[in-house]
Amino acid sequence: MKYILFFALSMMIFVSGCVIMSAHRGNDDSGITSDDVYEGTGQGYRGPVSVQVRMNDGNINEIIIVDSAEDHFIGSAAMEELIEIVVENNSTDVDAVSGATQTSRGFLEAVQNAILKL
């Protein structure tokens, strides 16, 4: 009886693990596609701004600042604010952050350059 319970419990754990792995891996038949990552660079106020843009089905899902020499308090804060706006609007056609215009332009240029690699 102990062996049957052990076997049944083991099978339940194995099957649930397979289902979880399948859900994380994605499936071409389910319509789930993996995100594509593109990199771009633009000229900020203090130098180049490099970003990674994660896209899925033509939509911007995430933007990661890879490298930047911009000021932490002004430039980085402006870019973090722009990340939210660009992702929300799915466009780089947004206003620059006041007080960080050159940084904003460099960041948006970097995102646009990444998107153009589609």
PDB file of N, CA and C in Angstrom:
ATOM      1  N   MET A   1       0.815  -1.183   0.000  1.00  0.00           N
ATOM      2  CA  MET A   1       0.000   0.000   0.000  1.00  0.00           C
ATOM      3  C   MET A   1       0.873   1.267   0.000  1.00  0.00           C
ATOM      4  N   LYS A   2       1.988   1.260   0.795  1.00  0.00           N
ATOM      5  CA  LYS A   2       2.893   2.396   0.829  1.00  0.00           C
ATOM      6  C   LYS A   2       3.469   2.664  -0.556  1.00  0.00           C
ATOM      7  N   TYR A   3       3.791   1.611  -1.275  1.00  0.00           N
ATOM      8  CA  TYR A   3       4.405   1.760  -2.582  1.00  0.00           C
ATOM      9  C   TYR A   3       3.423   2.354  -3.591  1.00  0.00           C
ATOM     10  N   ILE A   4       2.168   1.997  -3.497  1.00  0.00           N
ATOM     11  CA  ILE A   4       1.157   2.529  -4.409  1.00  0.00           C
ATOM     12  C   ILE A   4       0.965   4.019  -4.156  1.00  0.00           C
ATOM     13  N   LEU A   5       0.891   4.423  -2.885  1.00  0.00           N
ATOM     14  CA  LEU A   5       0.752   5.842  -2.557  1.00  0.00           C
ATOM     15  C   LEU A   5       1.988   6.628  -3.004  1.00  0.00           C
ATOM     16  N   PHE A   6       3.156   6.055  -2.769  1.00  0.00           N
ATOM     17  CA  PHE A   6       4.399   6.697  -3.184  1.00  0.00           C
ATOM     18  C   PHE A   6       4.426   6.859  -4.701  1.00  0.00           C
ATOM     19  N   PHE A   7       4.062   5.820  -5.423  1.00  0.00           N
ATOM     20  CA  PHE A   7       4.045   5.850  -6.883  1.00  0.00           C
ATOM     21  C   PHE A   7       3.034   6.890  -7.389  1.00  0.00           C
ATOM     22  N   ALA A   8       1.836   6.910  -6.815  1.00  0.00           N
ATOM     23  CA  ALA A   8       0.798   7.856  -7.234  1.00  0.00           C
ATOM     24  C   ALA A   8       1.245   9.292  -6.969  1.00  0.00           C
ATOM     25  N   LEU A   9       1.818   9.533  -5.805  1.00  0.00           N
ATOM     26  CA  LEU A   9       2.302  10.866  -5.474  1.00  0.00           C
ATOM     27  C   LEU A   9       3.442  11.281  -6.409  1.00  0.00           C
ATOM     28  N   SER A  10       4.342  10.375  -6.699  1.00  0.00           N
ATOM     29  CA  SER A  10       5.458  10.656  -7.608  1.00  0.00           C
ATOM     30  C   SER A  10       4.952  11.008  -9.001  1.00  0.00           C
ATOM     31  N   MET A  11       3.965  10.274  -9.471  1.00  0.00           N
ATOM     32  CA  MET A  11       3.406  10.543 -10.799  1.00  0.00           C
ATOM     33  C   MET A  11       2.714  11.909 -10.843  1.00  0.00           C
ATOM     34  N   MET A  12       2.016  12.264  -9.766  1.00  0.00           N
ATOM     35  CA  MET A  12       1.342  13.560  -9.726  1.00  0.00           C
ATOM     36  C   MET A  12       2.372  14.697  -9.780  1.00  0.00           C
ATOM     37  N   ILE A  13       3.453  14.560  -9.061  1.00  0.00           N
ATOM     38  CA  ILE A  13       4.505  15.575  -9.061  1.00  0.00           C
ATOM     39  C   ILE A  13       5.159  15.653 -10.439  1.00  0.00           C
ATOM     40  N   PHE A  14       5.427  14.511 -11.028  1.00  0.00           N
ATOM     41  CA  PHE A  14       6.044  14.474 -12.352  1.00  0.00           C
ATOM     42  C   PHE A  14       5.152  15.141 -13.396  1.00  0.00           C
ATOM     43  N   VAL A  15       3.876  14.795 -13.410  1.00  0.00           N
ATOM     44  CA  VAL A  15       2.940  15.348 -14.391  1.00  0.00           C
ATOM     45  C   VAL A  15       2.777  16.853 -14.192  1.00  0.00           C
ATOM     46  N   SER A  16       2.649  17.310 -12.952  1.00  0.00           N
ATOM     47  CA  SER A  16       2.496  18.749 -12.721  1.00  0.00           C
ATOM     48  C   SER A  16       3.762  19.497 -13.129  1.00  0.00           C
ATOM     49  N   GLY A  17       4.918  18.896 -12.916  1.00  0.00           N
ATOM     50  CA  GLY A  17       6.175  19.509 -13.347  1.00  0.00           C
ATOM     51  C   GLY A  17       6.243  19.632 -14.854  1.00  0.00           C
ATOM     52  N   CYS A  18       5.773  18.625 -15.577  1.00  0.00           N
ATOM     53  CA  CYS A  18       5.759  18.677 -17.041  1.00  0.00           C
ATOM     54  C   CYS A  18       4.826  19.779 -17.538  1.00  0.00           C
ATOM     55  N   VAL A  19       3.693  19.933 -16.903  1.00  0.00           N
ATOM     56  CA  VAL A  19       2.734  20.964 -17.304  1.00  0.00           C
ATOM     57  C   VAL A  19       3.339  22.343 -17.074  1.00  0.00           C
ATOM     58  N   ILE A  20       3.989  22.542 -15.944  1.00  0.00           N
ATOM     59  CA  ILE A  20       4.605  23.823 -15.642  1.00  0.00           C
ATOM     60  C   ILE A  20       5.711  24.128 -16.645  1.00  0.00           C
ATOM     61  N   MET A  21       6.564  23.164 -16.955  1.00  0.00           N
ATOM     62  CA  MET A  21       7.636  23.369 -17.922  1.00  0.00           C
ATOM     63  C   MET A  21       7.074  23.715 -19.287  1.00  0.00           C
ATOM     64  N   SER A  22       6.016  23.059 -19.689  1.00  0.00           N
ATOM     65  CA  SER A  22       5.390  23.331 -20.975  1.00  0.00           C
ATOM     66  C   SER A  22       4.838  24.750 -21.027  1.00  0.00           C
ATOM     67  N   ALA A  23       4.263  25.208 -19.955  1.00  0.00           N
ATOM     68  CA  ALA A  23       3.693  26.556 -19.916  1.00  0.00           C
ATOM     69  C   ALA A  23       4.785  27.610 -20.003  1.00  0.00           C
ATOM     70  N   HIS A  24       5.938  27.386 -19.383  1.00  0.00           N
ATOM     71  CA  HIS A  24       7.028  28.345 -19.418  1.00  0.00           C
ATOM     72  C   HIS A  24       7.753  28.351 -20.747  1.00  0.00           C
ATOM     73  N   ARG A  25       7.812  27.233 -21.407  1.00  0.00           N
ATOM     74  CA  ARG A  25       8.542  27.097 -22.646  1.00  0.00           C
ATOM     75  C   ARG A  25       7.798  27.717 -23.815  1.00  0.00           C
ATOM     76  N   GLY A  26       6.496  27.771 -23.752  1.00  0.00           N
ATOM     77  CA  GLY A  26       5.724  28.276 -24.878  1.00  0.00           C
ATOM     78  C   GLY A  26       5.493  27.163 -25.874  1.00  0.00           C
ATOM     79  N   ASN A  27       4.601  27.407 -26.812  1.00  0.00           N
ATOM     80  CA  ASN A  27       4.240  26.373 -27.760  1.00  0.00           C
ATOM     81  C   ASN A  27       3.847  27.073 -29.041  1.00  0.00           C
ATOM     82  N   ASP A  28       4.456  26.686 -30.157  1.00  0.00           N
ATOM     83  CA  ASP A  28       4.154  27.328 -31.426  1.00  0.00           C
ATOM     84  C   ASP A  28       2.690  27.192 -31.800  1.00  0.00           C
ATOM     85  N   ASP A  29       2.046  26.105 -31.419  1.00  0.00           N
ATOM     86  CA  ASP A  29       0.648  25.897 -31.772  1.00  0.00           C
ATOM     87  C   ASP A  29      -0.277  26.786 -30.960  1.00  0.00           C
ATOM     88  N   SER A  30       0.160  27.287 -29.814  1.00  0.00           N
ATOM     89  CA  SER A  30      -0.708  28.074 -28.954  1.00  0.00           C
ATOM     90  C   SER A  30      -0.742  29.544 -29.347  1.00  0.00           C
ATOM     91  N   GLY A  31       0.099  29.951 -30.290  1.00  0.00           N
ATOM     92  CA  GLY A  31       0.143  31.360 -30.673  1.00  0.00           C
ATOM     93  C   GLY A  31       1.077  32.171 -29.806  1.00  0.00           C
ATOM     94  N   ILE A  32       1.698  31.568 -28.815  1.00  0.00           N
ATOM     95  CA  ILE A  32       2.634  32.279 -27.951  1.00  0.00           C
ATOM     96  C   ILE A  32       3.964  32.369 -28.686  1.00  0.00           C
ATOM     97  N   THR A  33       4.482  33.583 -28.813  1.00  0.00           N
ATOM     98  CA  THR A  33       5.781  33.761 -29.457  1.00  0.00           C
ATOM     99  C   THR A  33       6.738  34.374 -28.461  1.00  0.00           C
ATOM    100  N   SER A  34       8.007  34.106 -28.649  1.00  0.00           N
ATOM    101  CA  SER A  34       8.989  34.679 -27.737  1.00  0.00           C
ATOM    102  C   SER A  34       9.253  36.133 -28.129  1.00  0.00           C
ATOM    103  N   ASP A  35       9.699  36.902 -27.172  1.00  0.00           N
ATOM    104  CA  ASP A  35      10.022  38.297 -27.421  1.00  0.00           C
ATOM    105  C   ASP A  35      11.309  38.387 -28.227  1.00  0.00           C
ATOM    106  N   ASP A  36      11.402  39.410 -29.058  1.00  0.00           N
ATOM    107  CA  ASP A  36      12.616  39.697 -29.801  1.00  0.00           C
ATOM    108  C   ASP A  36      13.290  40.892 -29.138  1.00  0.00           C
ATOM    109  N   VAL A  37      14.615  40.842 -29.039  1.00  0.00           N
ATOM    110  CA  VAL A  37      15.370  41.908 -28.392  1.00  0.00           C
ATOM    111  C   VAL A  37      16.241  42.597 -29.435  1.00  0.00           C
ATOM    112  N   TYR A  38      16.135  43.914 -29.484  1.00  0.00           N
ATOM    113  CA  TYR A  38      16.913  44.718 -30.420  1.00  0.00           C
ATOM    114  C   TYR A  38      17.702  45.749 -29.638  1.00  0.00           C
ATOM    115  N   GLU A  39      18.893  46.074 -30.134  1.00  0.00           N
ATOM    116  CA  GLU A  39      19.740  47.050 -29.463  1.00  0.00           C
ATOM    117  C   GLU A  39      19.910  48.276 -30.336  1.00  0.00           C
ATOM    118  N   GLY A  40      19.984  49.431 -29.684  1.00  0.00           N
ATOM    119  CA  GLY A  40      20.180  50.683 -30.407  1.00  0.00           C
ATOM    120  C   GLY A  40      20.977  51.652 -29.571  1.00  0.00           C
ATOM    121  N   THR A  41      21.567  52.635 -30.259  1.00  0.00           N
ATOM    122  CA  THR A  41      22.375  53.648 -29.589  1.00  0.00           C
ATOM    123  C   THR A  41      21.978  55.023 -30.098  1.00  0.00           C
ATOM    124  N   GLY A  42      21.988  55.988 -29.206  1.00  0.00           N
ATOM    125  CA  GLY A  42      21.723  57.382 -29.559  1.00  0.00           C
ATOM    126  C   GLY A  42      22.700  58.273 -28.828  1.00  0.00           C
ATOM    127  N   GLN A  43      22.762  59.539 -29.234  1.00  0.00           N
ATOM    128  CA  GLN A  43      23.696  60.488 -28.621  1.00  0.00           C
ATOM    129  C   GLN A  43      22.976  61.311 -27.573  1.00  0.00           C
ATOM    130  N   GLY A  44      23.317  61.069 -26.307  1.00  0.00           N
ATOM    131  CA  GLY A  44      22.740  61.817 -25.202  1.00  0.00           C
ATOM    132  C   GLY A  44      23.529  63.073 -24.911  1.00  0.00           C
ATOM    133  N   TYR A  45      23.239  63.721 -23.802  1.00  0.00           N
ATOM    134  CA  TYR A  45      23.911  64.957 -23.412  1.00  0.00           C
ATOM    135  C   TYR A  45      25.389  64.726 -23.098  1.00  0.00           C
ATOM    136  N   ARG A  46      25.686  63.641 -22.372  1.00  0.00           N
ATOM    137  CA  ARG A  46      27.067  63.362 -21.953  1.00  0.00           C
ATOM    138  C   ARG A  46      27.742  62.259 -22.748  1.00  0.00           C
ATOM    139  N   GLY A  47      27.088  61.752 -23.766  1.00  0.00           N
ATOM    140  CA  GLY A  47      27.691  60.693 -24.566  1.00  0.00           C
ATOM    141  C   GLY A  47      26.643  59.713 -25.056  1.00  0.00           C
ATOM    142  N   PRO A  48      27.111  58.577 -25.573  1.00  0.00           N
ATOM    143  CA  PRO A  48      26.181  57.595 -26.137  1.00  0.00           C
ATOM    144  C   PRO A  48      25.260  56.976 -25.077  1.00  0.00           C
ATOM    145  N   VAL A  49      24.035  56.686 -25.514  1.00  0.00           N
ATOM    146  CA  VAL A  49      23.053  55.987 -24.695  1.00  0.00           C
ATOM    147  C   VAL A  49      22.722  54.705 -25.450  1.00  0.00           C
ATOM    148  N   SER A  50      22.930  53.556 -24.812  1.00  0.00           N
ATOM    149  CA  SER A  50      22.635  52.268 -25.434  1.00  0.00           C
ATOM    150  C   SER A  50      21.472  51.611 -24.709  1.00  0.00           C
ATOM    151  N   VAL A  51      20.549  51.063 -25.497  1.00  0.00           N
ATOM    152  CA  VAL A  51      19.366  50.423 -24.920  1.00  0.00           C
ATOM    153  C   VAL A  51      19.108  49.080 -25.594  1.00  0.00           C
ATOM    154  N   GLN A  52      18.361  48.248 -24.899  1.00  0.00           N
ATOM    155  CA  GLN A  52      17.790  47.031 -25.460  1.00  0.00           C
ATOM    156  C   GLN A  52      16.281  47.206 -25.430  1.00  0.00           C
ATOM    157  N   VAL A  53      15.641  46.899 -26.551  1.00  0.00           N
ATOM    158  CA  VAL A  53      14.196  47.016 -26.647  1.00  0.00           C
ATOM    159  C   VAL A  53      13.638  45.620 -26.883  1.00  0.00           C
ATOM    160  N   ARG A  54      12.776  45.185 -25.990  1.00  0.00           N
ATOM    161  CA  ARG A  54      12.134  43.871 -26.093  1.00  0.00           C
ATOM    162  C   ARG A  54      10.765  44.084 -26.715  1.00  0.00           C
ATOM    163  N   MET A  55      10.550  43.409 -27.863  1.00  0.00           N
ATOM    164  CA  MET A  55       9.299  43.581 -28.601  1.00  0.00           C
ATOM    165  C   MET A  55       8.635  42.233 -28.845  1.00  0.00           C
ATOM    166  N   ASN A  56       7.311  42.276 -28.962  1.00  0.00           N
ATOM    167  CA  ASN A  56       6.535  41.087 -29.279  1.00  0.00           C
ATOM    168  C   ASN A  56       5.376  41.521 -30.157  1.00  0.00           C
ATOM    169  N   ASP A  57       5.278  40.948 -31.336  1.00  0.00           N
ATOM    170  CA  ASP A  57       4.208  41.277 -32.285  1.00  0.00           C
ATOM    171  C   ASP A  57       4.124  42.772 -32.570  1.00  0.00           C
ATOM    172  N   GLY A  58       5.267  43.431 -32.704  1.00  0.00           N
ATOM    173  CA  GLY A  58       5.294  44.849 -33.029  1.00  0.00           C
ATOM    174  C   GLY A  58       5.046  45.781 -31.869  1.00  0.00           C
ATOM    175  N   ASN A  59       4.882  45.256 -30.671  1.00  0.00           N
ATOM    176  CA  ASN A  59       4.648  46.076 -29.481  1.00  0.00           C
ATOM    177  C   ASN A  59       5.896  46.125 -28.614  1.00  0.00           C
ATOM    178  N   ILE A  60       6.178  47.299 -28.087  1.00  0.00           N
ATOM    179  CA  ILE A  60       7.309  47.468 -27.181  1.00  0.00           C
ATOM    180  C   ILE A  60       6.887  46.957 -25.811  1.00  0.00           C
ATOM    181  N   ASN A  61       7.564  45.924 -25.323  1.00  0.00           N
ATOM    182  CA  ASN A  61       7.236  45.347 -24.020  1.00  0.00           C
ATOM    183  C   ASN A  61       8.126  45.875 -22.903  1.00  0.00           C
ATOM    184  N   GLU A  62       9.385  46.142 -23.238  1.00  0.00           N
ATOM    185  CA  GLU A  62      10.339  46.520 -22.193  1.00  0.00           C
ATOM    186  C   GLU A  62      11.511  47.243 -22.837  1.00  0.00           C
ATOM    187  N   ILE A  63      12.052  48.212 -22.113  1.00  0.00           N
ATOM    188  CA  ILE A  63      13.262  48.913 -22.551  1.00  0.00           C
ATOM    189  C   ILE A  63      14.247  48.865 -21.400  1.00  0.00           C
ATOM    190  N   ILE A  64      15.463  48.446 -21.712  1.00  0.00           N
ATOM    191  CA  ILE A  64      16.517  48.354 -20.698  1.00  0.00           C
ATOM    192  C   ILE A  64      17.660  49.271 -21.117  1.00  0.00           C
ATOM    193  N   ILE A  65      18.094  50.125 -20.213  1.00  0.00           N
ATOM    194  CA  ILE A  65      19.249  50.983 -20.472  1.00  0.00           C
ATOM    195  C   ILE A  65      20.496  50.135 -20.241  1.00  0.00           C
ATOM    196  N   VAL A  66      21.245  49.887 -21.302  1.00  0.00           N
ATOM    197  CA  VAL A  66      22.435  49.040 -21.226  1.00  0.00           C
ATOM    198  C   VAL A  66      23.631  49.848 -20.762  1.00  0.00           C
ATOM    199  N   ASP A  67      23.799  51.050 -21.335  1.00  0.00           N
ATOM    200  CA  ASP A  67      24.957  51.865 -20.993  1.00  0.00           C
ATOM    201  C   ASP A  67      24.610  53.337 -21.208  1.00  0.00           C
ATOM    202  N   SER A  68      25.065  54.161 -20.291  1.00  0.00           N
ATOM    203  CA  SER A  68      24.801  55.590 -20.392  1.00  0.00           C
ATOM    204  C   SER A  68      25.766  56.346 -19.488  1.00  0.00           C
ATOM    205  N   ALA A  69      26.230  57.482 -19.975  1.00  0.00           N
ATOM    206  CA  ALA A  69      27.080  58.347 -19.166  1.00  0.00           C
ATOM    207  C   ALA A  69      26.285  59.514 -18.596  1.00  0.00           C
ATOM    208  N   GLU A  70      24.970  59.464 -18.721  1.00  0.00           N
ATOM    209  CA  GLU A  70      24.124  60.567 -18.272  1.00  0.00           C
ATOM    210  C   GLU A  70      24.135  60.682 -16.750  1.00  0.00           C
ATOM    211  N   ASP A  71      23.889  61.877 -16.277  1.00  0.00           N
ATOM    212  CA  ASP A  71      23.813  62.168 -14.856  1.00  0.00           C
ATOM    213  C   ASP A  71      22.753  61.286 -14.196  1.00  0.00           C
ATOM    214  N   HIS A  72      23.084  60.750 -13.034  1.00  0.00           N
ATOM    215  CA  HIS A  72      22.172  59.834 -12.355  1.00  0.00           C
ATOM    216  C   HIS A  72      20.874  60.510 -11.928  1.00  0.00           C
ATOM    217  N   PHE A  73      20.962  61.691 -11.400  1.00  0.00           N
ATOM    218  CA  PHE A  73      19.772  62.337 -10.838  1.00  0.00           C
ATOM    219  C   PHE A  73      18.868  62.947 -11.903  1.00  0.00           C
ATOM    220  N   ILE A  74      19.443  63.502 -12.942  1.00  0.00           N
ATOM    221  CA  ILE A  74      18.612  64.146 -13.961  1.00  0.00           C
ATOM    222  C   ILE A  74      18.433  63.225 -15.169  1.00  0.00           C
ATOM    223  N   GLY A  75      19.537  62.817 -15.777  1.00  0.00           N
ATOM    224  CA  GLY A  75      19.471  62.018 -16.998  1.00  0.00           C
ATOM    225  C   GLY A  75      18.839  60.657 -16.800  1.00  0.00           C
ATOM    226  N   SER A  76      19.291  59.934 -15.804  1.00  0.00           N
ATOM    227  CA  SER A  76      18.735  58.597 -15.556  1.00  0.00           C
ATOM    228  C   SER A  76      17.272  58.663 -15.156  1.00  0.00           C
ATOM    229  N   ALA A  77      16.932  59.663 -14.352  1.00  0.00           N
ATOM    230  CA  ALA A  77      15.531  59.823 -13.947  1.00  0.00           C
ATOM    231  C   ALA A  77      14.657  60.125 -15.164  1.00  0.00           C
ATOM    232  N   ALA A  78      15.169  60.945 -16.065  1.00  0.00           N
ATOM    233  CA  ALA A  78      14.414  61.279 -17.277  1.00  0.00           C
ATOM    234  C   ALA A  78      14.227  60.038 -18.148  1.00  0.00           C
ATOM    235  N   MET A  79      15.271  59.243 -18.287  1.00  0.00           N
ATOM    236  CA  MET A  79      15.169  58.033 -19.117  1.00  0.00           C
ATOM    237  C   MET A  79      14.209  57.014 -18.495  1.00  0.00           C
ATOM    238  N   GLU A  80      14.228  56.884 -17.180  1.00  0.00           N
ATOM    239  CA  GLU A  80      13.290  55.971 -16.515  1.00  0.00           C
ATOM    240  C   GLU A  80      11.849  56.423 -16.751  1.00  0.00           C
ATOM    241  N   GLU A  81      11.640  57.730 -16.703  1.00  0.00           N
ATOM    242  CA  GLU A  81      10.305  58.273 -16.966  1.00  0.00           C
ATOM    243  C   GLU A  81       9.894  58.002 -18.421  1.00  0.00           C
ATOM    244  N   LEU A  82      10.845  58.178 -19.332  1.00  0.00           N
ATOM    245  CA  LEU A  82      10.563  57.946 -20.754  1.00  0.00           C
ATOM    246  C   LEU A  82      10.287  56.474 -21.054  1.00  0.00           C
ATOM    247  N   ILE A  83      10.935  55.583 -20.332  1.00  0.00           N
ATOM    248  CA  ILE A  83      10.680  54.155 -20.550  1.00  0.00           C
ATOM    249  C   ILE A  83       9.193  53.875 -20.366  1.00  0.00           C
ATOM    250  N   GLU A  84       8.632  54.357 -19.277  1.00  0.00           N
ATOM    251  CA  GLU A  84       7.207  54.128 -19.004  1.00  0.00           C
ATOM    252  C   GLU A  84       6.326  54.728 -20.090  1.00  0.00           C
ATOM    253  N   ILE A  85       6.651  55.947 -20.518  1.00  0.00           N
ATOM    254  CA  ILE A  85       5.832  56.639 -21.516  1.00  0.00           C
ATOM    255  C   ILE A  85       5.908  55.937 -22.875  1.00  0.00           C
ATOM    256  N   VAL A  86       7.121  55.560 -23.288  1.00  0.00           N
ATOM    257  CA  VAL A  86       7.303  54.909 -24.588  1.00  0.00           C
ATOM    258  C   VAL A  86       6.606  53.556 -24.612  1.00  0.00           C
ATOM    259  N   VAL A  87       6.761  52.768 -23.559  1.00  0.00           N
ATOM    260  CA  VAL A  87       6.109  51.455 -23.502  1.00  0.00           C
ATOM    261  C   VAL A  87       4.597  51.626 -23.490  1.00  0.00           C
ATOM    262  N   GLU A  88       4.102  52.570 -22.708  1.00  0.00           N
ATOM    263  CA  GLU A  88       2.660  52.802 -22.616  1.00  0.00           C
ATOM    264  C   GLU A  88       2.063  53.228 -23.956  1.00  0.00           C
ATOM    265  N   ASN A  89       2.778  54.104 -24.686  1.00  0.00           N
ATOM    266  CA  ASN A  89       2.286  54.610 -25.966  1.00  0.00           C
ATOM    267  C   ASN A  89       2.731  53.760 -27.154  1.00  0.00           C
ATOM    268  N   ASN A  90       3.642  52.817 -26.913  1.00  0.00           N
ATOM    269  CA  ASN A  90       4.193  51.965 -27.967  1.00  0.00           C
ATOM    270  C   ASN A  90       4.750  52.818 -29.111  1.00  0.00           C
ATOM    271  N   SER A  91       5.414  53.918 -28.734  1.00  0.00           N
ATOM    272  CA  SER A  91       5.921  54.853 -29.732  1.00  0.00           C
ATOM    273  C   SER A  91       7.035  55.700 -29.136  1.00  0.00           C
ATOM    274  N   THR A  92       7.940  56.139 -30.013  1.00  0.00           N
ATOM    275  CA  THR A  92       8.968  57.081 -29.588  1.00  0.00           C
ATOM    276  C   THR A  92       8.552  58.511 -29.900  1.00  0.00           C
ATOM    277  N   ASP A  93       7.372  58.689 -30.449  1.00  0.00           N
ATOM    278  CA  ASP A  93       6.847  60.006 -30.772  1.00  0.00           C
ATOM    279  C   ASP A  93       6.213  60.614 -29.515  1.00  0.00           C
ATOM    280  N   VAL A  94       7.083  60.945 -28.553  1.00  0.00           N
ATOM    281  CA  VAL A  94       6.644  61.503 -27.275  1.00  0.00           C
ATOM    282  C   VAL A  94       7.490  62.738 -26.971  1.00  0.00           C
ATOM    283  N   ASP A  95       7.026  63.565 -26.057  1.00  0.00           N
ATOM    284  CA  ASP A  95       7.750  64.770 -25.676  1.00  0.00           C
ATOM    285  C   ASP A  95       8.972  64.432 -24.832  1.00  0.00           C
ATOM    286  N   ALA A  96       9.997  65.264 -24.960  1.00  0.00           N
ATOM    287  CA  ALA A  96      11.186  65.136 -24.128  1.00  0.00           C
ATOM    288  C   ALA A  96      10.849  65.541 -22.705  1.00  0.00           C
ATOM    289  N   VAL A  97      11.619  65.038 -21.775  1.00  0.00           N
ATOM    290  CA  VAL A  97      11.451  65.411 -20.372  1.00  0.00           C
ATOM    291  C   VAL A  97      12.082  66.781 -20.163  1.00  0.00           C
ATOM    292  N   SER A  98      11.315  67.692 -19.598  1.00  0.00           N
ATOM    293  CA  SER A  98      11.781  69.050 -19.362  1.00  0.00           C
ATOM    294  C   SER A  98      13.012  69.043 -18.459  1.00  0.00           C
ATOM    295  N   GLY A  99      14.034  69.785 -18.858  1.00  0.00           N
ATOM    296  CA  GLY A  99      15.273  69.849 -18.084  1.00  0.00           C
ATOM    297  C   GLY A  99      16.278  68.793 -18.494  1.00  0.00           C
ATOM    298  N   ALA A 100      15.870  67.866 -19.336  1.00  0.00           N
ATOM    299  CA  ALA A 100      16.773  66.812 -19.812  1.00  0.00           C
ATOM    300  C   ALA A 100      16.506  66.538 -21.296  1.00  0.00           C
ATOM    301  N   THR A 101      16.430  67.618 -22.047  1.00  0.00           N
ATOM    302  CA  THR A 101      16.049  67.511 -23.459  1.00  0.00           C
ATOM    303  C   THR A 101      17.052  66.700 -24.266  1.00  0.00           C
ATOM    304  N   GLN A 102      18.340  66.992 -24.135  1.00  0.00           N
ATOM    305  CA  GLN A 102      19.349  66.261 -24.914  1.00  0.00           C
ATOM    306  C   GLN A 102      19.405  64.779 -24.522  1.00  0.00           C
ATOM    307  N   THR A 103      19.296  64.504 -23.239  1.00  0.00           N
ATOM    308  CA  THR A 103      19.263  63.120 -22.771  1.00  0.00           C
ATOM    309  C   THR A 103      18.035  62.420 -23.330  1.00  0.00           C
ATOM    310  N   SER A 104      16.904  63.092 -23.288  1.00  0.00           N
ATOM    311  CA  SER A 104      15.663  62.521 -23.815  1.00  0.00           C
ATOM    312  C   SER A 104      15.800  62.211 -25.296  1.00  0.00           C
ATOM    313  N   ARG A 105      16.346  63.149 -26.049  1.00  0.00           N
ATOM    314  CA  ARG A 105      16.529  62.937 -27.491  1.00  0.00           C
ATOM    315  C   ARG A 105      17.457  61.765 -27.770  1.00  0.00           C
ATOM    316  N   GLY A 106      18.546  61.668 -27.006  1.00  0.00           N
ATOM    317  CA  GLY A 106      19.475  60.548 -27.187  1.00  0.00           C
ATOM    318  C   GLY A 106      18.838  59.218 -26.855  1.00  0.00           C
ATOM    319  N   PHE A 107      18.062  59.187 -25.785  1.00  0.00           N
ATOM    320  CA  PHE A 107      17.368  57.963 -25.386  1.00  0.00           C
ATOM    321  C   PHE A 107      16.363  57.561 -26.454  1.00  0.00           C
ATOM    322  N   LEU A 108      15.544  58.509 -26.900  1.00  0.00           N
ATOM    323  CA  LEU A 108      14.525  58.203 -27.917  1.00  0.00           C
ATOM    324  C   LEU A 108      15.168  57.790 -29.241  1.00  0.00           C
ATOM    325  N   GLU A 109      16.307  58.403 -29.568  1.00  0.00           N
ATOM    326  CA  GLU A 109      17.058  58.013 -30.766  1.00  0.00           C
ATOM    327  C   GLU A 109      17.543  56.567 -30.645  1.00  0.00           C
ATOM    328  N   ALA A 110      18.038  56.212 -29.472  1.00  0.00           N
ATOM    329  CA  ALA A 110      18.515  54.847 -29.247  1.00  0.00           C
ATOM    330  C   ALA A 110      17.377  53.838 -29.399  1.00  0.00           C
ATOM    331  N   VAL A 111      16.220  54.149 -28.819  1.00  0.00           N
ATOM    332  CA  VAL A 111      15.064  53.258 -28.926  1.00  0.00           C
ATOM    333  C   VAL A 111      14.627  53.150 -30.381  1.00  0.00           C
ATOM    334  N   GLN A 112      14.578  54.287 -31.070  1.00  0.00           N
ATOM    335  CA  GLN A 112      14.175  54.279 -32.481  1.00  0.00           C
ATOM    336  C   GLN A 112      15.157  53.465 -33.323  1.00  0.00           C
ATOM    337  N   ASN A 113      16.447  53.609 -33.085  1.00  0.00           N
ATOM    338  CA  ASN A 113      17.445  52.840 -33.817  1.00  0.00           C
ATOM    339  C   ASN A 113      17.286  51.334 -33.571  1.00  0.00           C
ATOM    340  N   ALA A 114      16.922  50.974 -32.353  1.00  0.00           N
ATOM    341  CA  ALA A 114      16.691  49.559 -32.053  1.00  0.00           C
ATOM    342  C   ALA A 114      15.470  49.050 -32.806  1.00  0.00           C
ATOM    343  N   ILE A 115      14.402  49.831 -32.817  1.00  0.00           N
ATOM    344  CA  ILE A 115      13.164  49.429 -33.480  1.00  0.00           C
ATOM    345  C   ILE A 115      13.364  49.292 -34.980  1.00  0.00           C
ATOM    346  N   LEU A 116      14.219  50.154 -35.561  1.00  0.00           N
ATOM    347  CA  LEU A 116      14.458  50.110 -37.003  1.00  0.00           C
ATOM    348  C   LEU A 116      15.129  48.816 -37.439  1.00  0.00           C
ATOM    349  N   LYS A 117      15.677  48.060 -36.487  1.00  0.00           N
ATOM    350  CA  LYS A 117      16.342  46.793 -36.809  1.00  0.00           C
ATOM    351  C   LYS A 117      15.348  45.654 -36.997  1.00  0.00           C
ATOM    352  N   LEU A 118      14.065  45.937 -36.836  1.00  0.00           N
ATOM    353  CA  LEU A 118      13.028  44.902 -37.020  1.00  0.00           C
ATOM    354  C   LEU A 118      13.123  44.262 -38.377  1.00  0.00           C
TER     355      LEU A 118
END
